[in-house]
Amino acid sequence: MHSSTTIYSQSKYFGDFILQKEEVEKIKWFNFDELTRGIKEKPESFTLGLISILLNKRIKNAKDALK
């Protein structure tokens, strides 16, 4: 049985977590506050895909709050 790894705190992946060494410079786990602070302080350290996912999540949360 595979363990579950949470990715972007949204999706679950049931399999081995395998990194492509040639694509990864550094690995670090962040809580949400640390992640958003890091993006504000040094956005070039994060992928545009991750920033896009977080922005879309914030927009969805704001829309949901208006309902």
C-alpha atoms as a PDB file:
ATOM      1  CA  MET A   1       0.000   0.000   0.000  1.00  0.00           C
ATOM      2  CA  HIS A   2       1.302   3.461  -0.916  1.00  0.00           C
ATOM      3  CA  SER A   3       1.441   6.340   1.508  1.00  0.00           C
ATOM      4  CA  SER A   4      -0.341   9.596   0.703  1.00  0.00           C
ATOM      5  CA  THR A   5       1.608  12.798   0.021  1.00  0.00           C
ATOM      6  CA  THR A   6      -0.279  16.106   0.032  1.00  0.00           C
ATOM      7  CA  ILE A   7       0.715  18.384  -2.825  1.00  0.00           C
ATOM      8  CA  TYR A   8      -0.187  22.099  -2.654  1.00  0.00           C
ATOM      9  CA  SER A   9      -2.511  21.117   0.221  1.00  0.00           C
ATOM     10  CA  GLN A  10      -5.182  20.398  -2.404  1.00  0.00           C
ATOM     11  CA  SER A  11      -4.456  17.155  -4.198  1.00  0.00           C
ATOM     12  CA  LYS A  12      -3.421  13.783  -2.903  1.00  0.00           C
ATOM     13  CA  TYR A  13      -0.941  11.559  -4.661  1.00  0.00           C
ATOM     14  CA  PHE A  14      -0.868   7.875  -3.789  1.00  0.00           C
ATOM     15  CA  GLY A  15       2.563   6.743  -4.797  1.00  0.00           C
ATOM     16  CA  ASP A  16       6.231   7.282  -4.305  1.00  0.00           C
ATOM     17  CA  PHE A  17       7.451  10.873  -4.157  1.00  0.00           C
ATOM     18  CA  ILE A  18      10.301  10.910  -6.672  1.00  0.00           C
ATOM     19  CA  LEU A  19      12.203  14.103  -7.444  1.00  0.00           C
ATOM     20  CA  GLN A  20      13.992  14.755 -10.709  1.00  0.00           C
ATOM     21  CA  LYS A  21      17.434  15.739  -9.354  1.00  0.00           C
ATOM     22  CA  GLU A  22      18.298  17.759 -12.452  1.00  0.00           C
ATOM     23  CA  GLU A  23      15.129  19.853 -11.987  1.00  0.00           C
ATOM     24  CA  VAL A  24      15.398  20.531  -8.250  1.00  0.00           C
ATOM     25  CA  GLU A  25      17.866  22.883  -6.609  1.00  0.00           C
ATOM     26  CA  LYS A  26      16.551  22.763  -3.048  1.00  0.00           C
ATOM     27  CA  ILE A  27      13.704  21.187  -1.079  1.00  0.00           C
ATOM     28  CA  LYS A  28      12.075  22.834   1.912  1.00  0.00           C
ATOM     29  CA  TRP A  29       8.706  22.320   3.597  1.00  0.00           C
ATOM     30  CA  PHE A  30       6.732  25.450   4.501  1.00  0.00           C
ATOM     31  CA  ASN A  31       3.548  26.087   6.410  1.00  0.00           C
ATOM     32  CA  PHE A  32       1.134  28.377   4.547  1.00  0.00           C
ATOM     33  CA  ASP A  33       2.221  31.581   6.335  1.00  0.00           C
ATOM     34  CA  GLU A  34       5.909  30.862   5.675  1.00  0.00           C
ATOM     35  CA  LEU A  35       5.142  30.131   2.035  1.00  0.00           C
ATOM     36  CA  THR A  36       3.217  33.350   1.397  1.00  0.00           C
ATOM     37  CA  ARG A  37       5.857  35.397   3.252  1.00  0.00           C
ATOM     38  CA  GLY A  38       8.622  33.758   1.204  1.00  0.00           C
ATOM     39  CA  ILE A  39       6.836  34.533  -2.053  1.00  0.00           C
ATOM     40  CA  LYS A  40       6.394  38.178  -1.037  1.00  0.00           C
ATOM     41  CA  GLU A  41      10.048  38.510  -0.001  1.00  0.00           C
ATOM     42  CA  LYS A  42      11.696  36.551  -2.823  1.00  0.00           C
ATOM     43  CA  PRO A  43       9.215  35.550  -5.557  1.00  0.00           C
ATOM     44  CA  GLU A  44      11.982  34.493  -7.950  1.00  0.00           C
ATOM     45  CA  SER A  45      12.686  31.522  -5.665  1.00  0.00           C
ATOM     46  CA  PHE A  46       9.293  29.959  -6.430  1.00  0.00           C
ATOM     47  CA  THR A  47       7.815  28.545  -9.617  1.00  0.00           C
ATOM     48  CA  LEU A  48       5.168  30.518 -11.459  1.00  0.00           C
ATOM     49  CA  GLY A  49       2.952  27.437 -11.304  1.00  0.00           C
ATOM     50  CA  LEU A  50       2.947  27.447  -7.506  1.00  0.00           C
ATOM     51  CA  ILE A  51       2.344  31.202  -7.331  1.00  0.00           C
ATOM     52  CA  SER A  52      -0.530  30.849  -9.814  1.00  0.00           C
ATOM     53  CA  ILE A  53      -2.157  28.064  -7.779  1.00  0.00           C
ATOM     54  CA  LEU A  54      -1.942  30.138  -4.597  1.00  0.00           C
ATOM     55  CA  LEU A  55      -3.351  33.254  -6.292  1.00  0.00           C
ATOM     56  CA  ASN A  56      -6.250  31.275  -7.750  1.00  0.00           C
ATOM     57  CA  LYS A  57      -6.946  29.819  -4.293  1.00  0.00           C
ATOM     58  CA  ARG A  58      -6.999  33.315  -2.753  1.00  0.00           C
ATOM     59  CA  ILE A  59      -9.390  34.534  -5.477  1.00  0.00           C
ATOM     60  CA  LYS A  60     -11.689  31.540  -4.912  1.00  0.00           C
ATOM     61  CA  ASN A  61     -11.644  32.099  -1.143  1.00  0.00           C
ATOM     62  CA  ALA A  62     -12.482  35.788  -1.630  1.00  0.00           C
ATOM     63  CA  LYS A  63     -15.385  34.919  -3.953  1.00  0.00           C
ATOM     64  CA  ASP A  64     -16.677  32.313  -1.505  1.00  0.00           C
ATOM     65  CA  ALA A  65     -16.543  34.876   1.310  1.00  0.00           C
ATOM     66  CA  LEU A  66     -18.789  37.210  -0.712  1.00  0.00           C
ATOM     67  CA  LYS A  67     -21.554  34.600  -1.080  1.00  0.00           C
END
